[in-house]
């Protein structure tokens, strides 16, 4: 998890991963990495919930499902979502094999309220 504006790692961010049999939630370390172990059979697709159900967490990344083979071979850097909450973002960062790079931001109380309204009317 990287800050959408600075590109720096985000510590303590909860992220969910669907392993094919259910959701697992992890928390990022100071490096911005959440480590998940996936056991056989390995799913063909990895689904990420970068917000892990939190209202004050916002993902600035467009995609949430990725081909496992591509993640393991080359890694994937998500594309930044064109949304008012994600303006003035950094350019993309390269991912390494086994990594999925997601851009996120924490919402202050006012933006959290705006998000609730946005989800209610447009979500």
PDB file of N, CA and C in Angstrom:
ATOM      1  N   UNK A   1       0.836  -1.161   0.000  1.00  0.00           N
ATOM      2  CA  UNK A   1       0.000   0.000   0.000  1.00  0.00           C
ATOM      3  C   UNK A   1       0.890   1.236   0.000  1.00  0.00           C
ATOM      4  N   UNK A   2       0.640   2.101  -0.982  1.00  0.00           N
ATOM      5  CA  UNK A   2       1.410   3.338  -1.098  1.00  0.00           C
ATOM      6  C   UNK A   2       0.463   4.533  -1.022  1.00  0.00           C
ATOM      7  N   UNK A   3       0.941   5.604  -0.404  1.00  0.00           N
ATOM      8  CA  UNK A   3       0.192   6.840  -0.354  1.00  0.00           C
ATOM      9  C   UNK A   3       0.047   7.364  -1.777  1.00  0.00           C
ATOM     10  N   UNK A   4      -1.172   7.679  -2.190  1.00  0.00           N
ATOM     11  CA  UNK A   4      -1.438   8.089  -3.574  1.00  0.00           C
ATOM     12  C   UNK A   4      -0.729   9.390  -3.943  1.00  0.00           C
ATOM     13  N   UNK A   5      -0.449  10.232  -2.964  1.00  0.00           N
ATOM     14  CA  UNK A   5       0.143  11.534  -3.237  1.00  0.00           C
ATOM     15  C   UNK A   5       1.663  11.516  -3.219  1.00  0.00           C
ATOM     16  N   UNK A   6       2.231  10.775  -2.266  1.00  0.00           N
ATOM     17  CA  UNK A   6       3.684  10.807  -2.086  1.00  0.00           C
ATOM     18  C   UNK A   6       4.396   9.576  -2.633  1.00  0.00           C
ATOM     19  N   UNK A   7       3.665   8.459  -2.733  1.00  0.00           N
ATOM     20  CA  UNK A   7       4.292   7.208  -3.143  1.00  0.00           C
ATOM     21  C   UNK A   7       4.999   6.509  -2.000  1.00  0.00           C
ATOM     22  N   UNK A   8       4.908   7.061  -0.781  1.00  0.00           N
ATOM     23  CA  UNK A   8       5.534   6.429   0.382  1.00  0.00           C
ATOM     24  C   UNK A   8       4.669   5.292   0.918  1.00  0.00           C
ATOM     25  N   UNK A   9       5.285   4.289   1.545  1.00  0.00           N
ATOM     26  CA  UNK A   9       4.535   3.170   2.136  1.00  0.00           C
ATOM     27  C   UNK A   9       3.579   3.657   3.220  1.00  0.00           C
ATOM     28  N   UNK A  10       2.444   2.964   3.343  1.00  0.00           N
ATOM     29  CA  UNK A  10       1.450   3.293   4.358  1.00  0.00           C
ATOM     30  C   UNK A  10       1.462   2.192   5.407  1.00  0.00           C
ATOM     31  N   UNK A  11       1.787   2.565   6.639  1.00  0.00           N
ATOM     32  CA  UNK A  11       1.869   1.616   7.751  1.00  0.00           C
ATOM     33  C   UNK A  11       0.501   1.455   8.425  1.00  0.00           C
ATOM     34  N   UNK A  12       0.181   0.225   8.832  1.00  0.00           N
ATOM     35  CA  UNK A  12      -1.028  -0.031   9.602  1.00  0.00           C
ATOM     36  C   UNK A  12      -2.313  -0.054   8.806  1.00  0.00           C
ATOM     37  N   UNK A  13      -2.234  -0.208   7.507  1.00  0.00           N
ATOM     38  CA  UNK A  13      -3.414  -0.214   6.628  1.00  0.00           C
ATOM     39  C   UNK A  13      -3.986  -1.625   6.583  1.00  0.00           C
ATOM     40  N   UNK A  14      -5.282  -1.774   6.804  1.00  0.00           N
ATOM     41  CA  UNK A  14      -5.921  -3.087   6.694  1.00  0.00           C
ATOM     42  C   UNK A  14      -6.306  -3.344   5.252  1.00  0.00           C
ATOM     43  N   UNK A  15      -5.972  -4.530   4.782  1.00  0.00           N
ATOM     44  CA  UNK A  15      -6.270  -4.928   3.406  1.00  0.00           C
ATOM     45  C   UNK A  15      -6.775  -6.365   3.424  1.00  0.00           C
ATOM     46  N   UNK A  16      -7.766  -6.633   2.565  1.00  0.00           N
ATOM     47  CA  UNK A  16      -8.319  -7.979   2.466  1.00  0.00           C
ATOM     48  C   UNK A  16      -7.866  -8.661   1.186  1.00  0.00           C
ATOM     49  N   UNK A  17      -7.689  -9.968   1.268  1.00  0.00           N
ATOM     50  CA  UNK A  17      -7.325 -10.781   0.101  1.00  0.00           C
ATOM     51  C   UNK A  17      -8.258 -11.976   0.058  1.00  0.00           C
ATOM     52  N   UNK A  18      -8.885 -12.184  -1.094  1.00  0.00           N
ATOM     53  CA  UNK A  18      -9.732 -13.369  -1.279  1.00  0.00           C
ATOM     54  C   UNK A  18      -8.850 -14.484  -1.804  1.00  0.00           C
ATOM     55  N   UNK A  19      -8.743 -15.557  -1.053  1.00  0.00           N
ATOM     56  CA  UNK A  19      -7.822 -16.651  -1.376  1.00  0.00           C
ATOM     57  C   UNK A  19      -8.469 -17.768  -2.178  1.00  0.00           C
ATOM     58  N   UNK A  20      -9.704 -17.596  -2.575  1.00  0.00           N
ATOM     59  CA  UNK A  20     -10.402 -18.649  -3.297  1.00  0.00           C
ATOM     60  C   UNK A  20     -11.381 -19.383  -2.394  1.00  0.00           C
ATOM     61  N   UNK A  21     -11.071 -19.438  -1.108  1.00  0.00           N
ATOM     62  CA  UNK A  21     -11.963 -20.096  -0.154  1.00  0.00           C
ATOM     63  C   UNK A  21     -12.589 -19.104   0.818  1.00  0.00           C
ATOM     64  N   UNK A  22     -12.071 -17.890   0.878  1.00  0.00           N
ATOM     65  CA  UNK A  22     -12.604 -16.871   1.772  1.00  0.00           C
ATOM     66  C   UNK A  22     -11.673 -15.687   1.867  1.00  0.00           C
ATOM     67  N   UNK A  23     -12.112 -14.686   2.617  1.00  0.00           N
ATOM     68  CA  UNK A  23     -11.342 -13.462   2.787  1.00  0.00           C
ATOM     69  C   UNK A  23     -10.410 -13.577   3.975  1.00  0.00           C
ATOM     70  N   UNK A  24      -9.192 -13.067   3.796  1.00  0.00           N
ATOM     71  CA  UNK A  24      -8.199 -12.960   4.857  1.00  0.00           C
ATOM     72  C   UNK A  24      -7.828 -11.480   4.939  1.00  0.00           C
ATOM     73  N   UNK A  25      -7.788 -10.935   6.164  1.00  0.00           N
ATOM     74  CA  UNK A  25      -7.433  -9.531   6.346  1.00  0.00           C
ATOM     75  C   UNK A  25      -6.070  -9.450   7.000  1.00  0.00           C
ATOM     76  N   UNK A  26      -5.215  -8.598   6.443  1.00  0.00           N
ATOM     77  CA  UNK A  26      -3.890  -8.366   6.996  1.00  0.00           C
ATOM     78  C   UNK A  26      -3.664  -6.879   7.206  1.00  0.00           C
ATOM     79  N   UNK A  27      -2.623  -6.553   7.915  1.00  0.00           N
ATOM     80  CA  UNK A  27      -2.271  -5.157   8.196  1.00  0.00           C
ATOM     81  C   UNK A  27      -0.867  -4.908   7.656  1.00  0.00           C
ATOM     82  N   UNK A  28      -0.669  -3.739   7.054  1.00  0.00           N
ATOM     83  CA  UNK A  28       0.631  -3.438   6.465  1.00  0.00           C
ATOM     84  C   UNK A  28       1.662  -3.094   7.538  1.00  0.00           C
ATOM     85  N   UNK A  29       2.907  -3.463   7.253  1.00  0.00           N
ATOM     86  CA  UNK A  29       4.042  -3.118   8.102  1.00  0.00           C
ATOM     87  C   UNK A  29       4.514  -1.715   7.721  1.00  0.00           C
ATOM     88  N   UNK A  30       5.582  -1.235   8.330  1.00  0.00           N
ATOM     89  CA  UNK A  30       6.075   0.109   8.009  1.00  0.00           C
ATOM     90  C   UNK A  30       6.575   0.215   6.577  1.00  0.00           C
ATOM     91  N   UNK A  31       6.807  -0.922   5.933  1.00  0.00           N
ATOM     92  CA  UNK A  31       7.216  -0.936   4.522  1.00  0.00           C
ATOM     93  C   UNK A  31       6.021  -0.821   3.577  1.00  0.00           C
ATOM     94  N   UNK A  32       4.805  -0.809   4.129  1.00  0.00           N
ATOM     95  CA  UNK A  32       3.598  -0.752   3.308  1.00  0.00           C
ATOM     96  C   UNK A  32       3.166  -2.109   2.792  1.00  0.00           C
ATOM     97  N   UNK A  33       3.845  -3.166   3.205  1.00  0.00           N
ATOM     98  CA  UNK A  33       3.554  -4.510   2.711  1.00  0.00           C
ATOM     99  C   UNK A  33       2.695  -5.294   3.697  1.00  0.00           C
ATOM    100  N   UNK A  34       1.700  -5.955   3.159  1.00  0.00           N
ATOM    101  CA  UNK A  34       0.925  -6.947   3.900  1.00  0.00           C
ATOM    102  C   UNK A  34       1.264  -8.280   3.249  1.00  0.00           C
ATOM    103  N   UNK A  35       1.676  -9.238   4.032  1.00  0.00           N
ATOM    104  CA  UNK A  35       2.111 -10.523   3.503  1.00  0.00           C
ATOM    105  C   UNK A  35       1.013 -11.554   3.736  1.00  0.00           C
ATOM    106  N   UNK A  36       0.675 -12.270   2.664  1.00  0.00           N
ATOM    107  CA  UNK A  36      -0.333 -13.323   2.732  1.00  0.00           C
ATOM    108  C   UNK A  36       0.277 -14.624   2.235  1.00  0.00           C
ATOM    109  N   UNK A  37      -0.042 -15.698   2.890  1.00  0.00           N
ATOM    110  CA  UNK A  37       0.376 -17.031   2.435  1.00  0.00           C
ATOM    111  C   UNK A  37      -0.838 -17.717   1.835  1.00  0.00           C
ATOM    112  N   UNK A  38      -0.647 -18.209   0.621  1.00  0.00           N
ATOM    113  CA  UNK A  38      -1.737 -18.896  -0.085  1.00  0.00           C
ATOM    114  C   UNK A  38      -1.334 -20.344  -0.252  1.00  0.00           C
ATOM    115  N   UNK A  39      -2.239 -21.236   0.117  1.00  0.00           N
ATOM    116  CA  UNK A  39      -1.960 -22.660   0.057  1.00  0.00           C
ATOM    117  C   UNK A  39      -2.658 -23.282  -1.151  1.00  0.00           C
ATOM    118  N   UNK A  40      -2.198 -24.458  -1.522  1.00  0.00           N
ATOM    119  CA  UNK A  40      -2.804 -25.189  -2.650  1.00  0.00           C
ATOM    120  C   UNK A  40      -4.249 -25.523  -2.326  1.00  0.00           C
ATOM    121  N   UNK A  41      -5.108 -25.492  -3.328  1.00  0.00           N
ATOM    122  CA  UNK A  41      -4.866 -25.061  -4.704  1.00  0.00           C
ATOM    123  C   UNK A  41      -4.823 -23.530  -4.793  1.00  0.00           C
ATOM    124  N   UNK A  42      -3.855 -23.036  -5.537  1.00  0.00           N
ATOM    125  CA  UNK A  42      -3.689 -21.590  -5.715  1.00  0.00           C
ATOM    126  C   UNK A  42      -4.793 -21.083  -6.649  1.00  0.00           C
ATOM    127  N   UNK A  43      -5.530 -20.047  -6.244  1.00  0.00           N
ATOM    128  CA  UNK A  43      -6.600 -19.534  -7.116  1.00  0.00           C
ATOM    129  C   UNK A  43      -6.020 -18.885  -8.372  1.00  0.00           C
ATOM    130  N   UNK A  44      -6.767 -18.930  -9.471  1.00  0.00           N
ATOM    131  CA  UNK A  44      -6.330 -18.315 -10.720  1.00  0.00           C
ATOM    132  C   UNK A  44      -6.380 -16.794 -10.633  1.00  0.00           C
ATOM    133  N   UNK A  45      -7.277 -16.288  -9.799  1.00  0.00           N
ATOM    134  CA  UNK A  45      -7.449 -14.853  -9.655  1.00  0.00           C
ATOM    135  C   UNK A  45      -7.322 -14.469  -8.186  1.00  0.00           C
ATOM    136  N   UNK A  46      -6.601 -13.375  -7.927  1.00  0.00           N
ATOM    137  CA  UNK A  46      -6.512 -12.818  -6.585  1.00  0.00           C
ATOM    138  C   UNK A  46      -7.380 -11.564  -6.536  1.00  0.00           C
ATOM    139  N   UNK A  47      -8.265 -11.517  -5.567  1.00  0.00           N
ATOM    140  CA  UNK A  47      -9.112 -10.340  -5.394  1.00  0.00           C
ATOM    141  C   UNK A  47      -8.681  -9.610  -4.140  1.00  0.00           C
ATOM    142  N   UNK A  48      -8.537  -8.300  -4.253  1.00  0.00           N
ATOM    143  CA  UNK A  48      -8.068  -7.456  -3.167  1.00  0.00           C
ATOM    144  C   UNK A  48      -9.195  -6.527  -2.722  1.00  0.00           C
ATOM    145  N   UNK A  49      -9.333  -6.343  -1.420  1.00  0.00           N
ATOM    146  CA  UNK A  49     -10.200  -5.303  -0.871  1.00  0.00           C
ATOM    147  C   UNK A  49      -9.285  -4.322  -0.150  1.00  0.00           C
ATOM    148  N   UNK A  50      -8.828  -3.266  -0.840  1.00  0.00           N
ATOM    149  CA  UNK A  50      -7.859  -2.361  -0.252  1.00  0.00           C
ATOM    150  C   UNK A  50      -8.402  -1.542   0.915  1.00  0.00           C
ATOM    151  N   UNK A  51      -9.712  -1.505   1.073  1.00  0.00           N
ATOM    152  CA  UNK A  51     -10.300  -0.718   2.146  1.00  0.00           C
ATOM    153  C   UNK A  51     -10.718  -1.586   3.326  1.00  0.00           C
ATOM    154  N   UNK A  52     -10.746  -2.889   3.146  1.00  0.00           N
ATOM    155  CA  UNK A  52     -11.129  -3.860   4.180  1.00  0.00           C
ATOM    156  C   UNK A  52     -12.357  -3.413   4.960  1.00  0.00           C
ATOM    157  N   UNK A  53     -13.311  -2.809   4.266  1.00  0.00           N
ATOM    158  CA  UNK A  53     -14.573  -2.420   4.888  1.00  0.00           C
ATOM    159  C   UNK A  53     -14.545  -1.125   5.674  1.00  0.00           C
ATOM    160  N   UNK A  54     -13.421  -0.413   5.696  1.00  0.00           N
ATOM    161  CA  UNK A  54     -13.335   0.828   6.470  1.00  0.00           C
ATOM    162  C   UNK A  54     -13.865   2.023   5.701  1.00  0.00           C
ATOM    163  N   UNK A  55     -14.660   2.862   6.353  1.00  0.00           N
ATOM    164  CA  UNK A  55     -15.224   4.049   5.700  1.00  0.00           C
ATOM    165  C   UNK A  55     -14.200   5.151   5.511  1.00  0.00           C
ATOM    166  N   UNK A  56     -13.218   5.238   6.406  1.00  0.00           N
ATOM    167  CA  UNK A  56     -12.233   6.319   6.275  1.00  0.00           C
ATOM    168  C   UNK A  56     -11.023   5.902   5.445  1.00  0.00           C
ATOM    169  N   UNK A  57     -11.062   4.703   4.896  1.00  0.00           N
ATOM    170  CA  UNK A  57     -10.015   4.219   3.997  1.00  0.00           C
ATOM    171  C   UNK A  57     -10.525   4.376   2.563  1.00  0.00           C
ATOM    172  N   UNK A  58      -9.672   4.833   1.680  1.00  0.00           N
ATOM    173  CA  UNK A  58     -10.082   5.025   0.278  1.00  0.00           C
ATOM    174  C   UNK A  58      -8.991   4.506  -0.644  1.00  0.00           C
ATOM    175  N   UNK A  59      -9.387   3.696  -1.596  1.00  0.00           N
ATOM    176  CA  UNK A  59      -8.446   3.185  -2.578  1.00  0.00           C
ATOM    177  C   UNK A  59      -8.477   4.061  -3.815  1.00  0.00           C
ATOM    178  N   UNK A  60      -7.317   4.464  -4.268  1.00  0.00           N
ATOM    179  CA  UNK A  60      -7.202   5.257  -5.495  1.00  0.00           C
ATOM    180  C   UNK A  60      -6.804   4.375  -6.671  1.00  0.00           C
ATOM    181  N   UNK A  61      -6.920   3.065  -6.504  1.00  0.00           N
ATOM    182  CA  UNK A  61      -6.551   2.129  -7.558  1.00  0.00           C
ATOM    183  C   UNK A  61      -7.815   1.581  -8.211  1.00  0.00           C
ATOM    184  N   UNK A  62      -7.766   1.454  -9.523  1.00  0.00           N
ATOM    185  CA  UNK A  62      -8.919   1.096 -10.319  1.00  0.00           C
ATOM    186  C   UNK A  62      -9.308  -0.379 -10.234  1.00  0.00           C
ATOM    187  N   UNK A  63      -8.357  -1.287 -10.308  1.00  0.00           N
ATOM    188  CA  UNK A  63      -8.666  -2.708 -10.375  1.00  0.00           C
ATOM    189  C   UNK A  63      -8.555  -3.353  -9.005  1.00  0.00           C
ATOM    190  N   UNK A  64      -9.325  -4.439  -8.822  1.00  0.00           N
ATOM    191  CA  UNK A  64      -9.276  -5.184  -7.565  1.00  0.00           C
ATOM    192  C   UNK A  64      -9.091  -6.682  -7.771  1.00  0.00           C
ATOM    193  N   UNK A  65      -9.094  -7.137  -9.009  1.00  0.00           N
ATOM    194  CA  UNK A  65      -8.872  -8.557  -9.301  1.00  0.00           C
ATOM    195  C   UNK A  65      -7.710  -8.685 -10.274  1.00  0.00           C
ATOM    196  N   UNK A  66      -6.827  -9.656  -9.978  1.00  0.00           N
ATOM    197  CA  UNK A  66      -5.607  -9.800 -10.755  1.00  0.00           C
ATOM    198  C   UNK A  66      -5.343 -11.272 -11.026  1.00  0.00           C
ATOM    199  N   UNK A  67      -4.756 -11.569 -12.177  1.00  0.00           N
ATOM    200  CA  UNK A  67      -4.376 -12.936 -12.507  1.00  0.00           C
ATOM    201  C   UNK A  67      -3.187 -13.338 -11.632  1.00  0.00           C
ATOM    202  N   UNK A  68      -3.317 -14.441 -10.924  1.00  0.00           N
ATOM    203  CA  UNK A  68      -2.270 -14.901 -10.017  1.00  0.00           C
ATOM    204  C   UNK A  68      -0.958 -15.118 -10.743  1.00  0.00           C
ATOM    205  N   UNK A  69      -1.020 -15.693 -11.940  1.00  0.00           N
ATOM    206  CA  UNK A  69       0.210 -15.966 -12.695  1.00  0.00           C
ATOM    207  C   UNK A  69       0.967 -14.679 -13.002  1.00  0.00           C
ATOM    208  N   UNK A  70       0.256 -13.610 -13.370  1.00  0.00           N
ATOM    209  CA  UNK A  70       0.901 -12.335 -13.676  1.00  0.00           C
ATOM    210  C   UNK A  70       1.505 -11.710 -12.411  1.00  0.00           C
ATOM    211  N   UNK A  71       0.796 -11.816 -11.292  1.00  0.00           N
ATOM    212  CA  UNK A  71       1.316 -11.290 -10.028  1.00  0.00           C
ATOM    213  C   UNK A  71       2.613 -12.001  -9.669  1.00  0.00           C
ATOM    214  N   UNK A  72       2.640 -13.320  -9.777  1.00  0.00           N
ATOM    215  CA  UNK A  72       3.815 -14.088  -9.389  1.00  0.00           C
ATOM    216  C   UNK A  72       4.991 -13.885 -10.337  1.00  0.00           C
ATOM    217  N   UNK A  73       4.716 -13.705 -11.641  1.00  0.00           N
ATOM    218  CA  UNK A  73       5.801 -13.569 -12.619  1.00  0.00           C
ATOM    219  C   UNK A  73       6.387 -12.167 -12.678  1.00  0.00           C
ATOM    220  N   UNK A  74       5.540 -11.142 -12.727  1.00  0.00           N
ATOM    221  CA  UNK A  74       6.043  -9.784 -12.944  1.00  0.00           C
ATOM    222  C   UNK A  74       5.605  -8.780 -11.891  1.00  0.00           C
ATOM    223  N   UNK A  75       4.558  -9.086 -11.157  1.00  0.00           N
ATOM    224  CA  UNK A  75       3.974  -8.123 -10.228  1.00  0.00           C
ATOM    225  C   UNK A  75       3.060  -7.169 -10.978  1.00  0.00           C
ATOM    226  N   UNK A  76       2.188  -6.486 -10.245  1.00  0.00           N
ATOM    227  CA  UNK A  76       1.228  -5.573 -10.863  1.00  0.00           C
ATOM    228  C   UNK A  76       1.171  -4.279 -10.058  1.00  0.00           C
ATOM    229  N   UNK A  77       1.277  -3.164 -10.761  1.00  0.00           N
ATOM    230  CA  UNK A  77       1.055  -1.849 -10.151  1.00  0.00           C
ATOM    231  C   UNK A  77      -0.292  -1.360 -10.644  1.00  0.00           C
ATOM    232  N   UNK A  78      -1.224  -1.167  -9.718  1.00  0.00           N
ATOM    233  CA  UNK A  78      -2.570  -0.743 -10.085  1.00  0.00           C
ATOM    234  C   UNK A  78      -2.585   0.650 -10.698  1.00  0.00           C
ATOM    235  N   UNK A  79      -3.560   0.884 -11.559  1.00  0.00           N
ATOM    236  CA  UNK A  79      -3.726   2.194 -12.188  1.00  0.00           C
ATOM    237  C   UNK A  79      -4.522   3.090 -11.252  1.00  0.00           C
ATOM    238  N   UNK A  80      -4.141   4.366 -11.196  1.00  0.00           N
ATOM    239  CA  UNK A  80      -4.824   5.316 -10.321  1.00  0.00           C
ATOM    240  C   UNK A  80      -6.193   5.646 -10.896  1.00  0.00           C
ATOM    241  N   UNK A  81      -7.192   5.595 -10.042  1.00  0.00           N
ATOM    242  CA  UNK A  81      -8.593   5.848 -10.349  1.00  0.00           C
ATOM    243  C   UNK A  81      -8.820   7.345 -10.507  1.00  0.00           C
ATOM    244  N   UNK A  82      -9.517   7.755 -11.542  1.00  0.00           N
ATOM    245  CA  UNK A  82      -9.814   9.165 -11.763  1.00  0.00           C
ATOM    246  C   UNK A  82     -11.033   9.551 -10.923  1.00  0.00           C
ATOM    247  N   UNK A  83     -10.774  10.032  -9.712  1.00  0.00           N
ATOM    248  CA  UNK A  83     -11.831  10.385  -8.776  1.00  0.00           C
ATOM    249  C   UNK A  83     -11.398  11.640  -8.021  1.00  0.00           C
ATOM    250  N   UNK A  84     -12.330  12.498  -7.614  1.00  0.00           N
ATOM    251  CA  UNK A  84     -11.941  13.712  -6.884  1.00  0.00           C
ATOM    252  C   UNK A  84     -11.110  13.446  -5.627  1.00  0.00           C
ATOM    253  N   UNK A  85     -11.301  12.321  -4.962  1.00  0.00           N
ATOM    254  CA  UNK A  85     -10.514  12.001  -3.768  1.00  0.00           C
ATOM    255  C   UNK A  85      -9.066  11.653  -4.113  1.00  0.00           C
ATOM    256  N   UNK A  86      -8.774  11.431  -5.377  1.00  0.00           N
ATOM    257  CA  UNK A  86      -7.441  10.959  -5.774  1.00  0.00           C
ATOM    258  C   UNK A  86      -6.713  11.938  -6.692  1.00  0.00           C
ATOM    259  N   UNK A  87      -7.082  13.179  -6.662  1.00  0.00           N
ATOM    260  CA  UNK A  87      -6.407  14.171  -7.501  1.00  0.00           C
ATOM    261  C   UNK A  87      -5.013  14.446  -6.966  1.00  0.00           C
ATOM    262  N   UNK A  88      -4.178  15.003  -7.793  1.00  0.00           N
ATOM    263  CA  UNK A  88      -2.773  15.323  -7.497  1.00  0.00           C
ATOM    264  C   UNK A  88      -2.000  14.103  -7.013  1.00  0.00           C
ATOM    265  N   UNK A  89      -2.149  13.011  -7.729  1.00  0.00           N
ATOM    266  CA  UNK A  89      -1.457  11.776  -7.381  1.00  0.00           C
ATOM    267  C   UNK A  89      -0.095  11.693  -8.064  1.00  0.00           C
ATOM    268  N   UNK A  90       0.719  10.751  -7.580  1.00  0.00           N
ATOM    269  CA  UNK A  90       2.031  10.518  -8.183  1.00  0.00           C
ATOM    270  C   UNK A  90       1.867   9.656  -9.417  1.00  0.00           C
ATOM    271  N   UNK A  91       2.921   9.548 -10.194  1.00  0.00           N
ATOM    272  CA  UNK A  91       2.891   8.635 -11.339  1.00  0.00           C
ATOM    273  C   UNK A  91       3.057   7.203 -10.830  1.00  0.00           C
ATOM    274  N   UNK A  92       2.820   6.269 -11.663  1.00  0.00           N
ATOM    275  CA  UNK A  92       2.864   4.857 -11.285  1.00  0.00           C
ATOM    276  C   UNK A  92       4.236   4.426 -10.789  1.00  0.00           C
ATOM    277  N   UNK A  93       4.224   3.442  -9.911  1.00  0.00           N
ATOM    278  CA  UNK A  93       5.421   2.826  -9.371  1.00  0.00           C
ATOM    279  C   UNK A  93       5.493   1.408  -9.907  1.00  0.00           C
ATOM    280  N   UNK A  94       6.665   0.927 -10.229  1.00  0.00           N
ATOM    281  CA  UNK A  94       6.828  -0.438 -10.733  1.00  0.00           C
ATOM    282  C   UNK A  94       6.652  -1.436  -9.594  1.00  0.00           C
ATOM    283  N   UNK A  95       6.114  -2.588  -9.924  1.00  0.00           N
ATOM    284  CA  UNK A  95       5.961  -3.670  -8.956  1.00  0.00           C
ATOM    285  C   UNK A  95       6.991  -4.750  -9.250  1.00  0.00           C
ATOM    286  N   UNK A  96       7.351  -5.482  -8.239  1.00  0.00           N
ATOM    287  CA  UNK A  96       8.259  -6.615  -8.382  1.00  0.00           C
ATOM    288  C   UNK A  96       7.447  -7.907  -8.395  1.00  0.00           C
ATOM    289  N   UNK A  97       8.056  -8.984  -8.837  1.00  0.00           N
ATOM    290  CA  UNK A  97       7.382 -10.282  -8.874  1.00  0.00           C
ATOM    291  C   UNK A  97       6.796 -10.601  -7.501  1.00  0.00           C
ATOM    292  N   UNK A  98       5.535 -11.019  -7.492  1.00  0.00           N
ATOM    293  CA  UNK A  98       4.858 -11.374  -6.252  1.00  0.00           C
ATOM    294  C   UNK A  98       4.187 -10.209  -5.549  1.00  0.00           C
ATOM    295  N   UNK A  99       4.271  -9.002  -6.119  1.00  0.00           N
ATOM    296  CA  UNK A  99       3.697  -7.818  -5.487  1.00  0.00           C
ATOM    297  C   UNK A  99       2.510  -7.264  -6.269  1.00  0.00           C
ATOM    298  N   UNK A 100       1.576  -6.700  -5.516  1.00  0.00           N
ATOM    299  CA  UNK A 100       0.495  -5.899  -6.079  1.00  0.00           C
ATOM    300  C   UNK A 100       0.596  -4.539  -5.409  1.00  0.00           C
ATOM    301  N   UNK A 101       0.796  -3.489  -6.195  1.00  0.00           N
ATOM    302  CA  UNK A 101       0.915  -2.134  -5.660  1.00  0.00           C
ATOM    303  C   UNK A 101      -0.449  -1.461  -5.750  1.00  0.00           C
ATOM    304  N   UNK A 102      -0.928  -0.987  -4.600  1.00  0.00           N
ATOM    305  CA  UNK A 102      -2.220  -0.316  -4.517  1.00  0.00           C
ATOM    306  C   UNK A 102      -1.987   1.071  -3.923  1.00  0.00           C
ATOM    307  N   UNK A 103      -2.603   2.098  -4.519  1.00  0.00           N
ATOM    308  CA  UNK A 103      -2.509   3.464  -4.013  1.00  0.00           C
ATOM    309  C   UNK A 103      -3.734   3.759  -3.152  1.00  0.00           C
ATOM    310  N   UNK A 104      -3.495   4.315  -1.963  1.00  0.00           N
ATOM    311  CA  UNK A 104      -4.576   4.547  -1.011  1.00  0.00           C
ATOM    312  C   UNK A 104      -4.421   5.914  -0.341  1.00  0.00           C
ATOM    313  N   UNK A 105      -5.474   6.320   0.352  1.00  0.00           N
ATOM    314  CA  UNK A 105      -5.427   7.522   1.184  1.00  0.00           C
ATOM    315  C   UNK A 105      -6.390   7.357   2.342  1.00  0.00           C
ATOM    316  N   UNK A 106      -6.070   8.008   3.448  1.00  0.00           N
ATOM    317  CA  UNK A 106      -6.974   8.055   4.600  1.00  0.00           C
ATOM    318  C   UNK A 106      -7.840   9.298   4.445  1.00  0.00           C
ATOM    319  N   UNK A 107      -9.118   9.141   4.730  1.00  0.00           N
ATOM    320  CA  UNK A 107     -10.040  10.265   4.616  1.00  0.00           C
ATOM    321  C   UNK A 107     -10.239  10.923   5.976  1.00  0.00           C
ATOM    322  N   UNK A 108     -10.214  12.252   5.999  1.00  0.00           N
ATOM    323  CA  UNK A 108     -10.527  12.970   7.230  1.00  0.00           C
ATOM    324  C   UNK A 108     -12.042  12.881   7.472  1.00  0.00           C
ATOM    325  N   UNK A 109     -12.553  13.318   8.624  1.00  0.00           N
ATOM    326  CA  UNK A 109     -13.987  13.189   8.899  1.00  0.00           C
ATOM    327  C   UNK A 109     -14.882  13.827   7.841  1.00  0.00           C
ATOM    328  N   UNK A 110     -14.501  14.986   7.309  1.00  0.00           N
ATOM    329  CA  UNK A 110     -15.312  15.633   6.281  1.00  0.00           C
ATOM    330  C   UNK A 110     -15.373  14.777   5.010  1.00  0.00           C
ATOM    331  N   UNK A 111     -14.225  14.264   4.570  1.00  0.00           N
ATOM    332  CA  UNK A 111     -14.215  13.434   3.363  1.00  0.00           C
ATOM    333  C   UNK A 111     -14.907  12.098   3.608  1.00  0.00           C
ATOM    334  N   UNK A 112     -14.842  11.585   4.829  1.00  0.00           N
ATOM    335  CA  UNK A 112     -15.568  10.349   5.148  1.00  0.00           C
ATOM    336  C   UNK A 112     -17.069  10.585   5.003  1.00  0.00           C
ATOM    337  N   UNK A 113     -17.540  11.715   5.498  1.00  0.00           N
ATOM    338  CA  UNK A 113     -18.952  12.084   5.353  1.00  0.00           C
ATOM    339  C   UNK A 113     -19.321  12.203   3.874  1.00  0.00           C
ATOM    340  N   UNK A 114     -18.462  12.877   3.100  1.00  0.00           N
ATOM    341  CA  UNK A 114     -18.717  12.994   1.660  1.00  0.00           C
ATOM    342  C   UNK A 114     -18.753  11.622   0.999  1.00  0.00           C
ATOM    343  N   UNK A 115     -17.895  10.712   1.447  1.00  0.00           N
ATOM    344  CA  UNK A 115     -17.881   9.361   0.884  1.00  0.00           C
ATOM    345  C   UNK A 115     -19.195   8.648   1.168  1.00  0.00           C
ATOM    346  N   UNK A 116     -19.685   8.768   2.390  1.00  0.00           N
ATOM    347  CA  UNK A 116     -20.960   8.133   2.741  1.00  0.00           C
ATOM    348  C   UNK A 116     -22.059   8.660   1.826  1.00  0.00           C
ATOM    349  N   UNK A 117     -22.091   9.981   1.614  1.00  0.00           N
ATOM    350  CA  UNK A 117     -23.077  10.556   0.700  1.00  0.00           C
ATOM    351  C   UNK A 117     -22.890  10.027  -0.719  1.00  0.00           C
ATOM    352  N   UNK A 118     -21.630   9.996  -1.179  1.00  0.00           N
ATOM    353  CA  UNK A 118     -21.338   9.529  -2.536  1.00  0.00           C
ATOM    354  C   UNK A 118     -21.774   8.079  -2.704  1.00  0.00           C
ATOM    355  N   UNK A 119     -21.446   7.227  -1.736  1.00  0.00           N
ATOM    356  CA  UNK A 119     -21.835   5.806  -1.800  1.00  0.00           C
ATOM    357  C   UNK A 119     -23.355   5.651  -1.784  1.00  0.00           C
ATOM    358  N   UNK A 120     -24.029   6.508  -1.012  1.00  0.00           N
ATOM    359  CA  UNK A 120     -25.486   6.437  -0.921  1.00  0.00           C
ATOM    360  C   UNK A 120     -26.147   6.777  -2.243  1.00  0.00           C
ATOM    361  N   UNK A 121     -25.659   7.821  -2.896  1.00  0.00           N
ATOM    362  CA  UNK A 121     -26.318   8.295  -4.116  1.00  0.00           C
ATOM    363  C   UNK A 121     -25.743   7.755  -5.414  1.00  0.00           C
ATOM    364  N   UNK A 122     -24.444   7.410  -5.436  1.00  0.00           N
ATOM    365  CA  UNK A 122     -23.817   6.982  -6.682  1.00  0.00           C
ATOM    366  C   UNK A 122     -23.207   5.587  -6.618  1.00  0.00           C
ATOM    367  N   UNK A 123     -23.013   5.056  -5.430  1.00  0.00           N
ATOM    368  CA  UNK A 123     -22.317   3.790  -5.236  1.00  0.00           C
ATOM    369  C   UNK A 123     -23.062   2.621  -5.694  1.00  0.00           C
TER     370      UNK A 123
END
